[in-house]
Amino acid sequence: SQVTVNLGKPIFTPEKIPVLHDGERFVNQKLVVNGESYTISSILLGVPHTIVFREEFNEDEVIRIGAIIENNEIFPEKTNVNFAKVVNQTQIRVKTWERGAGYTLACGTGSSSVYVLATLLNYVDETKEITIETDGGNLRLSFNDSKDILLKGPAVLVFEGII
């Protein structure tokens, strides 16, 4: 079965994310990691999320670079790191490095953060529902009339146990 969750609105204020930055938003900022320059953007959607749009990336890069960005000094409370490739106007591929947990198959707030930044940067059409592909499955994102983020996806039992 499918579930729709209203995640509300993201927070762009650097002090609230938190990220050490003097501007009003932390969008399309350069960060050098191991001699390579990455363009990153950060928002708060429940927890801090940093988005890295790339033409190509793989799981090894997500693990290697994600850990370094997570722990960078500009993020005093650390950050989740979402690598994203815009496939087309309605499809984005995402891999997530979750702060304190490592490589993660999927992250709803991370995918939603990617969606927010992709619409802000005009990579995708905000008037259309967008599919976010993760290793854990596909999610569908859109805005409602109030500009709240709507996350749609399957409700699936993945584990059962007895304590």
Foldseek 3Di string as FASTA:
>chain_A
DKDKDFQFDKAFACVVLPFPDDDRGFAQDWDADPNDIWGWGWIDRPHIEIETEDQDDDLVCCQPVQVCQQPDPRDVPGHKYWYWYLPAQAEIEIWIQGPPPGTDQDDQSRQQVVVVNCVVVVVHPQCDWHWYQGNVGIWIWHADPVRTIMIMDDDDDDDDDDD
